[in-house]
Amino acid sequence: MPDTSNSSSRAGSDVHPIDFTERSTLIDALRGFALCGVLLSNSIVWFSGRALIPAAQAEALARPPLEKVVSNIFQLFVNQKFLTIFAFLFGLSFSLQLSRAEARGVAILPLYTRRLLVLLGFGVVHFFALWTGDILHTYALVGFLLLLFYRSSNRTLLTWCVVLLGVAPLLMAAGLRWGPVLLHGAEAANALKEMTQAQEGEQRAALLAALASDSFWMSQLGNARFGLELLTRPTQLLVLILTLGRFLLGLLAGRLGVLQDVERHRPWLRRIGWGGLVLGLLITFPGLVVLRLRNAGVWTPPDNLGMFLLNGFQDLGASILGVAFVSFFALIFQREWWRRVLSLLAPVGRMALTNYLVQTVVSLCIYDGWGLGLIGSTAVSRSAVFALGIFAVQVGMSHWWLKHFRFGPAEWLWRSLTYGRAQPLRHGARANSVVSTD
C-alpha cells in the first residue's frame, strides 16, 4: 500500500478534478469503441434473453444462414473481448491518475477511494434496480484490490496477469469439476451437479418470466431476486479474478506508456496485435466449433482432460484477443484518415458512465414485457441492429452534449460526490466554483 503520510495533510486543498482537456483522444475513442462492443454483447446475450431461454429455442433463432454467420462472428470477435478492453482501460486510467497525482505531489489514495465508493453506489443501484449484468460494482470492488499493486514492479504485474488470466481460471474450473468428486465421491458429485443445474435453470426461467411480464415492478423485482441468487454462485469469483487480471494489464500498459506514445511502441504493438490475433483465434476457434457441434446435436464432447483445457482457456483467449484489438486500434489511430473517423467515438468514451447506464434503460424498454416485449424472440442479427442503432444515436447525442457541457450527467454526479461539492457543468465555469442549484 502506498505511503501517503507526506502529503495527506494537503490532500483536501491540493487535490482537484483533472480537466477533461488532459484526456487522450485515443484513449477516449478506444473507450467509446469498447462501449459499442459491450452494448453488442449485452444486447445479444442478456437484454434479448438469449442467456435465459432454453437451448433449443436459442438454436431455432440462430438456424437461418444469416443468423449463423452473425452468431459466429459475434462469438469469435465480440463476446468477452470488449469487456477485456473496457477493464484494460480502467487499469490504464488508474495508472494515468497515479502518475498525475504524483507529478502534483498529492495523495492519490483518499481521492481514488472516494471515486470507487461512489462508483460502487452507482453499481449497486444499477445491479438491483435495473439489471444484474452490471459491471460497475465489480469494477469498484476489484478497484480496491488494484491498490495492492500500487507499487509493484512491472515484472510482478506481468506475473500476476499470467496467474490471474491463465492459471487461476483453470485451477478454479478444476476445483469445481473434481472437488466434489474428491469430497463426496463420483455418484454424489454427479447428483449435486444435476441438482445445481436444475436449480440454475429454474432461476433463469423465473427471471425470464419476470422480465416478460407487462409489469415494470414485477420485472425489476425478478431482476433483484435473480441478482441475490447470482451473487452466491462460485462463478462470480471467476469474474473478479478475470477483471483484476485485465485491470493489471491496463496498469502495466499505462506504466510503460504504450498508448501515450504509440509511435515509440509501434513495433511492439504490431507484434502484440498479430501475435495476439493468431494465438487468440487458435484458442477460441476450436471452442466455437465444439459449441456448435454440441448445440446441433452432431457430437457430444468427451469428458476428458483435453475438453477441460479447451473450455478452461476460452476466457484467456478472449483476453488475448481483446489486447490484440487494443493494439490494432492504437496503430490504426495513427493514420490521418482513420484518426478523424475514430475520433468521432471520443465523446462517447468521455461519457462512458452515462452512456453505459442509458444503454441499459433503452434496452429494457425494447426487450422487457412492459416495453416492446421482444425478449426471448429476437434473432442475433436483429439484436445487433438494435444495439448499433442505439450506439449511433449515442454518438450524436454525446457530441451535442459535450458542445454545451463539460461532462456527461452521470460523470458530473460522480465527480461532484467524489469531491464533495458540485462541479462546474457548463463550459466556461471555473473548475473551483460551485454550480448553482437553481
Protein backbone atom coordinates (compact mmCIF):
# COMPACT_ATOMS: atom_id res chain seq x y z
CA MET A 1 0.00 0.00 0.00
CA PRO A 2 1.28 3.49 -0.71
CA ASP A 3 2.69 5.74 1.97
CA THR A 4 0.60 8.89 1.92
CA SER A 5 1.80 10.44 5.17
CA ASN A 6 3.91 13.09 3.49
CA SER A 7 1.03 14.57 1.57
CA SER A 8 -2.16 13.61 3.33
CA SER A 9 -2.38 16.96 5.06
CA ARG A 10 -2.52 18.69 1.70
CA ALA A 11 -4.97 16.34 0.04
CA GLY A 12 -8.01 18.40 0.86
CA SER A 13 -6.63 21.61 -0.60
CA ASP A 14 -4.39 20.43 -3.43
CA VAL A 15 -6.47 17.67 -4.98
CA HIS A 16 -8.76 18.95 -7.70
CA PRO A 17 -10.55 17.39 -10.67
CA ILE A 18 -8.43 16.70 -13.73
CA ASP A 19 -9.72 18.86 -16.55
CA PHE A 20 -11.11 16.94 -19.50
CA THR A 21 -8.65 18.60 -21.87
CA GLU A 22 -5.90 16.45 -20.32
CA ARG A 23 -7.55 13.30 -21.65
CA SER A 24 -6.07 11.45 -24.57
CA THR A 25 -8.33 11.40 -27.60
CA LEU A 26 -7.02 7.94 -28.44
CA ILE A 27 -7.98 6.55 -25.04
CA ASP A 28 -11.41 8.19 -25.12
CA ALA A 29 -12.04 6.88 -28.64
CA LEU A 30 -10.92 3.41 -27.59
CA ARG A 31 -13.27 3.56 -24.62
CA GLY A 32 -16.11 4.52 -26.96
CA PHE A 33 -15.20 1.62 -29.24
CA ALA A 34 -15.22 -0.73 -26.25
CA LEU A 35 -18.60 0.59 -25.16
CA CYS A 36 -20.04 -0.29 -28.58
CA GLY A 37 -18.82 -3.87 -28.22
CA VAL A 38 -20.11 -4.10 -24.66
CA LEU A 39 -23.55 -2.99 -25.84
CA LEU A 40 -23.50 -5.58 -28.61
CA SER A 41 -22.58 -8.30 -26.11
CA ASN A 42 -25.17 -7.26 -23.55
CA SER A 43 -27.90 -6.94 -26.18
CA ILE A 44 -27.27 -10.27 -27.87
CA VAL A 45 -26.63 -12.34 -24.75
CA TRP A 46 -28.62 -10.71 -21.94
CA PHE A 47 -31.10 -8.00 -22.84
CA SER A 48 -32.60 -10.15 -25.61
CA GLY A 49 -32.99 -13.02 -23.13
CA ARG A 50 -30.74 -15.37 -25.10
CA ALA A 51 -28.91 -16.47 -21.94
CA LEU A 52 -32.23 -17.26 -20.26
CA ILE A 53 -34.20 -19.17 -22.91
CA PRO A 54 -33.87 -22.96 -23.40
CA ALA A 55 -31.02 -24.09 -25.67
CA ALA A 56 -33.44 -25.48 -28.26
CA GLN A 57 -35.20 -22.12 -28.54
CA ALA A 58 -31.89 -20.30 -28.92
CA GLU A 59 -30.82 -22.75 -31.63
CA ALA A 60 -34.09 -22.20 -33.51
CA LEU A 61 -33.50 -18.44 -33.54
CA ALA A 62 -29.97 -19.00 -34.85
CA ARG A 63 -30.91 -21.52 -37.55
CA PRO A 64 -31.15 -19.23 -40.65
CA PRO A 65 -27.82 -18.89 -42.52
CA LEU A 66 -27.54 -15.17 -41.79
CA GLU A 67 -28.01 -15.80 -38.09
CA LYS A 68 -25.33 -18.49 -38.10
CA VAL A 69 -22.84 -16.12 -39.71
CA VAL A 70 -23.64 -13.24 -37.37
CA SER A 71 -23.62 -15.51 -34.33
CA ASN A 72 -20.23 -16.99 -35.22
CA ILE A 73 -18.71 -13.56 -35.84
CA PHE A 74 -20.11 -12.42 -32.51
CA GLN A 75 -18.69 -15.40 -30.62
CA LEU A 76 -15.25 -15.11 -32.22
CA PHE A 77 -14.68 -11.36 -32.25
CA VAL A 78 -17.07 -9.67 -29.82
CA ASN A 79 -18.22 -11.77 -26.88
CA GLN A 80 -15.98 -11.08 -23.83
CA LYS A 81 -13.36 -9.32 -25.99
CA PHE A 82 -14.75 -5.84 -25.46
CA LEU A 83 -15.19 -6.41 -21.75
CA THR A 84 -11.45 -7.07 -21.76
CA ILE A 85 -10.83 -3.71 -23.45
CA PHE A 86 -13.15 -1.92 -21.02
CA ALA A 87 -11.42 -3.44 -17.99
CA PHE A 88 -7.99 -2.80 -19.54
CA LEU A 89 -8.87 0.89 -19.85
CA PHE A 90 -9.92 1.03 -16.20
CA GLY A 91 -6.46 -0.14 -15.17
CA LEU A 92 -4.85 2.24 -17.64
CA SER A 93 -6.85 5.15 -16.22
CA PHE A 94 -5.69 4.25 -12.72
CA SER A 95 -2.10 4.40 -13.94
CA LEU A 96 -2.67 7.82 -15.51
CA GLN A 97 -4.37 9.17 -12.38
CA LEU A 98 -1.48 7.86 -10.31
CA SER A 99 1.19 9.50 -12.44
CA ARG A 100 -0.67 12.83 -12.50
CA ALA A 101 -1.17 12.81 -8.73
CA GLU A 102 2.50 12.01 -8.13
CA ALA A 103 3.54 14.80 -10.51
CA ARG A 104 1.45 17.23 -8.47
CA GLY A 105 2.70 15.87 -5.17
CA VAL A 106 -0.74 14.97 -3.84
CA ALA A 107 -2.15 11.83 -2.26
CA ILE A 108 -3.97 9.53 -4.65
CA LEU A 109 -5.39 7.11 -2.08
CA PRO A 110 -8.13 9.30 -0.49
CA LEU A 111 -9.37 10.56 -3.85
CA TYR A 112 -9.28 7.16 -5.53
CA THR A 113 -11.08 5.55 -2.59
CA ARG A 114 -13.89 8.11 -2.77
CA ARG A 115 -14.19 7.58 -6.52
CA LEU A 116 -14.55 3.84 -6.02
CA LEU A 117 -17.12 4.21 -3.25
CA VAL A 118 -19.27 6.44 -5.44
CA LEU A 119 -18.87 4.05 -8.37
CA LEU A 120 -19.89 1.19 -6.08
CA GLY A 121 -23.04 3.12 -5.22
CA PHE A 122 -23.84 3.53 -8.92
CA GLY A 123 -23.20 -0.17 -9.45
CA VAL A 124 -25.34 -1.43 -6.57
CA VAL A 125 -28.31 0.67 -7.68
CA HIS A 126 -27.84 -0.37 -11.31
CA PHE A 127 -27.46 -4.05 -10.34
CA PHE A 128 -30.56 -4.36 -8.16
CA ALA A 129 -32.85 -1.68 -9.60
CA LEU A 130 -32.21 -2.19 -13.32
CA TRP A 131 -30.05 -5.07 -14.49
CA THR A 132 -28.00 -7.83 -12.84
CA GLY A 133 -25.43 -7.77 -15.65
CA ASP A 134 -23.95 -4.58 -14.15
CA ILE A 135 -20.15 -4.33 -14.22
CA LEU A 136 -19.82 -1.11 -12.21
CA HIS A 137 -20.00 -2.76 -8.79
CA THR A 138 -17.46 -5.35 -9.95
CA TYR A 139 -15.08 -2.66 -11.17
CA ALA A 140 -15.43 -0.76 -7.89
CA LEU A 141 -14.76 -3.81 -5.72
CA VAL A 142 -11.84 -5.01 -7.82
CA GLY A 143 -10.59 -1.43 -7.96
CA PHE A 144 -9.81 -1.64 -4.25
CA LEU A 145 -7.71 -4.76 -4.94
CA LEU A 146 -5.85 -2.76 -7.57
CA LEU A 147 -4.43 -0.65 -4.75
CA LEU A 148 -2.49 -3.69 -3.53
CA PHE A 149 -0.41 -3.46 -6.72
CA TYR A 150 0.18 0.28 -6.40
CA ARG A 151 3.95 -0.04 -6.05
CA SER A 152 4.53 -3.49 -7.55
CA SER A 153 7.27 -3.86 -10.14
CA ASN A 154 6.40 -4.36 -13.80
CA ARG A 155 7.63 -7.94 -13.61
CA THR A 156 5.36 -8.60 -10.66
CA LEU A 157 2.40 -7.13 -12.53
CA LEU A 158 3.11 -9.30 -15.57
CA THR A 159 3.41 -12.40 -13.40
CA TRP A 160 0.07 -11.70 -11.76
CA CYS A 161 -1.54 -11.13 -15.16
CA VAL A 162 -0.43 -14.60 -16.24
CA VAL A 163 -1.62 -16.16 -12.99
CA LEU A 164 -4.99 -14.42 -12.93
CA LEU A 165 -5.83 -14.77 -16.63
CA GLY A 166 -4.22 -18.12 -17.41
CA VAL A 167 -3.66 -20.22 -14.30
CA ALA A 168 -6.34 -19.21 -11.79
CA PRO A 169 -9.34 -19.89 -14.10
CA LEU A 170 -8.03 -23.40 -14.76
CA LEU A 171 -7.48 -24.07 -11.06
CA MET A 172 -10.95 -22.80 -10.25
CA ALA A 173 -12.53 -24.90 -13.01
CA ALA A 174 -10.61 -27.94 -11.76
CA GLY A 175 -11.82 -27.32 -8.22
CA LEU A 176 -15.44 -27.05 -9.34
CA ARG A 177 -15.10 -30.09 -11.60
CA TRP A 178 -13.20 -32.55 -9.40
CA GLY A 179 -13.51 -31.07 -5.90
CA PRO A 180 -16.96 -32.56 -5.23
CA VAL A 181 -15.76 -35.92 -6.58
CA LEU A 182 -12.85 -36.00 -4.14
CA LEU A 183 -15.03 -34.86 -1.24
CA HIS A 184 -18.21 -36.85 -1.82
CA GLY A 185 -17.48 -39.45 -4.50
CA ALA A 186 -18.44 -39.56 -8.17
CA GLU A 187 -22.07 -40.56 -7.70
CA ALA A 188 -22.84 -37.87 -5.12
CA ALA A 189 -20.93 -35.29 -7.17
CA ASN A 190 -23.00 -36.06 -10.27
CA ALA A 191 -26.20 -35.78 -8.26
CA LEU A 192 -25.06 -32.43 -6.86
CA LYS A 193 -24.17 -31.22 -10.36
CA GLU A 194 -27.58 -32.18 -11.73
CA MET A 195 -29.33 -30.53 -8.80
CA THR A 196 -27.31 -27.32 -9.26
CA GLN A 197 -28.02 -27.23 -13.00
CA ALA A 198 -31.74 -27.77 -12.38
CA GLN A 199 -31.78 -25.02 -9.75
CA GLU A 200 -30.00 -22.55 -12.02
CA GLY A 201 -32.36 -23.46 -14.86
CA GLU A 202 -35.35 -22.69 -12.63
CA GLN A 203 -33.79 -19.37 -11.64
CA ARG A 204 -33.26 -18.41 -15.29
CA ALA A 205 -36.82 -19.40 -16.16
CA ALA A 206 -38.18 -17.34 -13.26
CA LEU A 207 -36.17 -14.30 -14.37
CA LEU A 208 -37.33 -14.69 -17.97
CA ALA A 209 -40.95 -14.87 -16.83
CA ALA A 210 -40.49 -11.75 -14.71
CA LEU A 211 -38.83 -9.77 -17.49
CA ALA A 212 -41.53 -10.83 -19.95
CA SER A 213 -44.21 -9.55 -17.56
CA ASP A 214 -46.07 -6.41 -18.57
CA SER A 215 -45.50 -5.06 -15.07
CA PHE A 216 -42.40 -2.89 -14.60
CA TRP A 217 -42.32 -3.61 -10.88
CA MET A 218 -42.64 -7.36 -11.40
CA SER A 219 -39.75 -7.26 -13.86
CA GLN A 220 -37.47 -5.32 -11.54
CA LEU A 221 -38.41 -7.45 -8.53
CA GLY A 222 -37.48 -10.54 -10.52
CA ASN A 223 -34.22 -8.87 -11.53
CA ALA A 224 -33.35 -8.08 -7.89
CA ARG A 225 -34.19 -11.61 -6.76
CA PHE A 226 -32.04 -13.12 -9.51
CA GLY A 227 -29.24 -10.73 -8.54
CA LEU A 228 -29.20 -12.06 -4.99
CA GLU A 229 -29.09 -15.63 -6.31
CA LEU A 230 -26.33 -14.71 -8.76
CA LEU A 231 -24.07 -13.32 -6.04
CA THR A 232 -23.90 -16.73 -4.33
CA ARG A 233 -22.59 -18.58 -7.39
CA PRO A 234 -18.91 -19.61 -7.46
CA THR A 235 -18.60 -18.24 -11.00
CA GLN A 236 -18.76 -14.72 -9.54
CA LEU A 237 -15.29 -15.31 -8.11
CA LEU A 238 -14.05 -16.05 -11.63
CA VAL A 239 -15.46 -12.70 -12.79
CA LEU A 240 -13.47 -10.92 -10.07
CA ILE A 241 -10.29 -12.83 -10.96
CA LEU A 242 -10.52 -12.08 -14.68
CA THR A 243 -11.38 -8.43 -14.04
CA LEU A 244 -8.36 -7.95 -11.79
CA GLY A 245 -6.09 -9.58 -14.36
CA ARG A 246 -7.38 -7.25 -17.07
CA PHE A 247 -7.03 -4.25 -14.76
CA LEU A 248 -3.40 -5.16 -14.18
CA LEU A 249 -2.78 -5.39 -17.93
CA GLY A 250 -4.02 -1.82 -18.24
CA LEU A 251 -1.95 -0.68 -15.26
CA LEU A 252 1.16 -2.22 -16.82
CA ALA A 253 0.44 -0.65 -20.22
CA GLY A 254 -0.03 2.72 -18.57
CA ARG A 255 3.28 2.46 -16.77
CA LEU A 256 5.06 1.56 -19.98
CA GLY A 257 3.39 4.45 -21.80
CA VAL A 258 2.20 2.20 -24.62
CA LEU A 259 -0.87 4.23 -25.58
CA GLN A 260 0.64 7.55 -24.53
CA ASP A 261 3.43 7.16 -27.11
CA VAL A 262 2.20 4.82 -29.83
CA GLU A 263 4.89 5.75 -32.36
CA ARG A 264 7.65 4.72 -30.00
CA HIS A 265 5.96 1.37 -29.31
CA ARG A 266 4.78 0.71 -32.88
CA PRO A 267 6.92 -2.45 -33.48
CA TRP A 268 5.88 -3.86 -30.13
CA LEU A 269 2.20 -3.13 -30.78
CA ARG A 270 2.40 -4.84 -34.17
CA ARG A 271 3.82 -7.98 -32.59
CA ILE A 272 1.17 -7.97 -29.87
CA GLY A 273 -1.60 -7.30 -32.38
CA TRP A 274 -0.79 -10.00 -34.90
CA GLY A 275 0.55 -12.48 -32.36
CA GLY A 276 -2.46 -11.96 -30.12
CA LEU A 277 -4.88 -12.33 -33.03
CA VAL A 278 -3.36 -15.64 -34.13
CA LEU A 279 -2.99 -17.06 -30.62
CA GLY A 280 -6.41 -15.86 -29.53
CA LEU A 281 -8.13 -17.43 -32.53
CA LEU A 282 -6.19 -20.68 -32.08
CA ILE A 283 -7.64 -20.87 -28.58
CA THR A 284 -11.19 -19.65 -29.19
CA PHE A 285 -11.99 -21.10 -32.62
CA PRO A 286 -11.86 -24.78 -31.55
CA GLY A 287 -14.10 -23.87 -28.62
CA LEU A 288 -16.63 -22.34 -31.02
CA VAL A 289 -16.57 -25.45 -33.22
CA VAL A 290 -17.20 -27.71 -30.23
CA LEU A 291 -20.04 -25.45 -29.08
CA ARG A 292 -21.74 -25.50 -32.48
CA LEU A 293 -21.43 -29.28 -32.87
CA ARG A 294 -22.78 -29.88 -29.38
CA ASN A 295 -25.72 -27.49 -29.77
CA ALA A 296 -26.60 -29.02 -33.14
CA GLY A 297 -26.62 -32.49 -31.57
CA VAL A 298 -24.00 -33.69 -34.05
CA TRP A 299 -21.35 -34.56 -31.49
CA THR A 300 -21.15 -34.92 -27.73
CA PRO A 301 -17.75 -33.76 -26.46
CA PRO A 302 -15.95 -36.33 -24.31
CA ASP A 303 -15.47 -35.55 -20.64
CA ASN A 304 -11.67 -35.68 -20.71
CA LEU A 305 -8.66 -33.52 -19.95
CA GLY A 306 -8.49 -32.14 -23.48
CA MET A 307 -12.03 -30.77 -23.37
CA PHE A 308 -11.41 -29.44 -19.87
CA LEU A 309 -8.37 -27.47 -21.03
CA LEU A 310 -10.16 -26.24 -24.15
CA ASN A 311 -13.05 -24.87 -22.11
CA GLY A 312 -10.77 -23.54 -19.40
CA PHE A 313 -8.70 -21.48 -21.81
CA GLN A 314 -11.64 -19.71 -23.51
CA ASP A 315 -11.51 -16.73 -21.14
CA LEU A 316 -7.77 -16.46 -21.70
CA GLY A 317 -8.35 -16.47 -25.46
CA ALA A 318 -10.88 -13.66 -25.10
CA SER A 319 -8.41 -11.62 -23.06
CA ILE A 320 -5.65 -12.14 -25.63
CA LEU A 321 -7.93 -11.08 -28.49
CA GLY A 322 -9.06 -8.04 -26.53
CA VAL A 323 -5.46 -6.91 -26.09
CA ALA A 324 -4.83 -7.54 -29.79
CA PHE A 325 -7.78 -5.28 -30.66
CA VAL A 326 -6.34 -2.54 -28.44
CA SER A 327 -3.04 -2.80 -30.32
CA PHE A 328 -4.67 -2.64 -33.75
CA PHE A 329 -6.88 0.28 -32.71
CA ALA A 330 -3.89 2.26 -31.47
CA LEU A 331 -1.94 1.59 -34.67
CA ILE A 332 -4.81 2.45 -36.99
CA PHE A 333 -5.47 5.61 -35.00
CA GLN A 334 -2.07 6.96 -36.09
CA ARG A 335 -3.27 7.22 -39.69
CA GLU A 336 -4.73 10.62 -40.54
CA TRP A 337 -8.00 9.49 -42.13
CA TRP A 338 -8.67 6.83 -39.51
CA ARG A 339 -7.89 9.26 -36.71
CA ARG A 340 -10.57 11.63 -37.95
CA VAL A 341 -13.10 8.80 -38.21
CA LEU A 342 -12.31 7.06 -34.93
CA SER A 343 -12.13 10.36 -33.06
CA LEU A 344 -15.90 10.54 -33.55
CA LEU A 345 -16.07 7.91 -30.79
CA ALA A 346 -14.14 10.03 -28.28
CA PRO A 347 -17.17 11.93 -26.88
CA VAL A 348 -18.89 8.58 -26.26
CA GLY A 349 -15.84 7.46 -24.31
CA ARG A 350 -15.75 10.65 -22.29
CA MET A 351 -19.36 9.99 -21.30
CA ALA A 352 -18.87 6.24 -20.82
CA LEU A 353 -20.70 6.01 -17.49
CA THR A 354 -23.71 7.97 -18.73
CA ASN A 355 -23.87 6.03 -21.99
CA TYR A 356 -23.50 2.68 -20.22
CA LEU A 357 -26.45 3.45 -17.95
CA VAL A 358 -28.55 4.83 -20.81
CA GLN A 359 -27.89 1.64 -22.79
CA THR A 360 -29.49 -0.36 -20.01
CA VAL A 361 -32.57 1.85 -19.79
CA VAL A 362 -33.17 1.93 -23.55
CA SER A 363 -32.57 -1.82 -23.92
CA LEU A 364 -35.02 -2.64 -21.14
CA CYS A 365 -37.61 -0.51 -22.94
CA ILE A 366 -37.04 -2.52 -26.11
CA TYR A 367 -36.92 -6.04 -24.72
CA ASP A 368 -38.84 -6.25 -21.43
CA GLY A 369 -42.53 -7.07 -21.35
CA TRP A 370 -43.57 -3.64 -20.08
CA GLY A 371 -41.81 -2.15 -23.13
CA LEU A 372 -41.87 -3.58 -26.63
CA GLY A 373 -41.74 -7.12 -25.23
CA LEU A 374 -39.14 -8.57 -27.62
CA ILE A 375 -37.33 -10.63 -25.00
CA GLY A 376 -36.80 -14.28 -25.92
CA SER A 377 -37.88 -13.85 -29.54
CA THR A 378 -35.20 -11.70 -31.15
CA ALA A 379 -32.64 -13.14 -33.58
CA VAL A 380 -28.96 -12.33 -33.15
CA SER A 381 -28.79 -10.09 -36.23
CA ARG A 382 -31.82 -8.09 -35.10
CA SER A 383 -30.35 -7.59 -31.63
CA ALA A 384 -27.12 -6.42 -33.27
CA VAL A 385 -29.03 -3.90 -35.40
CA PHE A 386 -30.83 -2.57 -32.32
CA ALA A 387 -27.53 -2.24 -30.46
CA LEU A 388 -25.77 -0.45 -33.31
CA GLY A 389 -28.75 1.86 -33.73
CA ILE A 390 -28.69 2.78 -30.04
CA PHE A 391 -24.96 3.38 -30.20
CA ALA A 392 -25.24 5.56 -33.31
CA VAL A 393 -27.74 7.79 -31.52
CA GLN A 394 -25.41 7.94 -28.52
CA VAL A 395 -22.55 9.11 -30.73
CA GLY A 396 -24.64 12.04 -31.94
CA MET A 397 -26.04 12.84 -28.50
CA SER A 398 -22.58 12.71 -26.90
CA HIS A 399 -21.22 15.19 -29.44
CA TRP A 400 -24.15 17.52 -28.84
CA TRP A 401 -23.97 17.27 -25.06
CA LEU A 402 -20.23 17.93 -24.82
CA LYS A 403 -20.56 21.02 -27.00
CA HIS A 404 -22.62 22.53 -24.20
CA PHE A 405 -21.37 20.78 -21.07
CA ARG A 406 -18.05 19.68 -19.63
CA PHE A 407 -19.16 16.19 -18.54
CA GLY A 408 -21.96 13.73 -19.00
CA PRO A 409 -24.72 13.82 -16.35
CA ALA A 410 -23.55 10.67 -14.57
CA GLU A 411 -19.91 11.77 -14.80
CA TRP A 412 -20.86 15.12 -13.29
CA LEU A 413 -22.62 13.42 -10.39
CA TRP A 414 -19.70 11.03 -9.92
CA ARG A 415 -17.20 13.89 -9.77
CA SER A 416 -19.39 16.04 -7.54
CA LEU A 417 -19.88 13.26 -5.00
CA THR A 418 -16.19 12.38 -5.15
CA TYR A 419 -15.00 15.92 -4.44
CA GLY A 420 -17.80 16.73 -2.01
CA ARG A 421 -19.08 19.74 -3.92
CA ALA A 422 -21.00 20.44 -7.11
CA GLN A 423 -18.64 20.60 -10.05
CA PRO A 424 -19.00 23.16 -12.86
CA LEU A 425 -21.06 21.58 -15.59
CA ARG A 426 -21.27 24.17 -18.35
CA HIS A 427 -18.31 25.28 -20.41
CA GLY A 428 -16.68 28.45 -19.16
CA ALA A 429 -17.39 27.80 -15.49
CA ARG A 430 -14.35 27.87 -13.24
CA ALA A 431 -13.06 24.49 -12.07
CA ASN A 432 -13.08 25.54 -8.42
CA SER A 433 -16.52 27.10 -8.48
CA VAL A 434 -19.71 25.62 -7.16
CA VAL A 435 -22.58 25.14 -9.56
CA SER A 436 -25.75 26.89 -8.55
CA THR A 437 -28.76 24.75 -7.88
CA ASP A 438 -31.37 26.90 -9.50
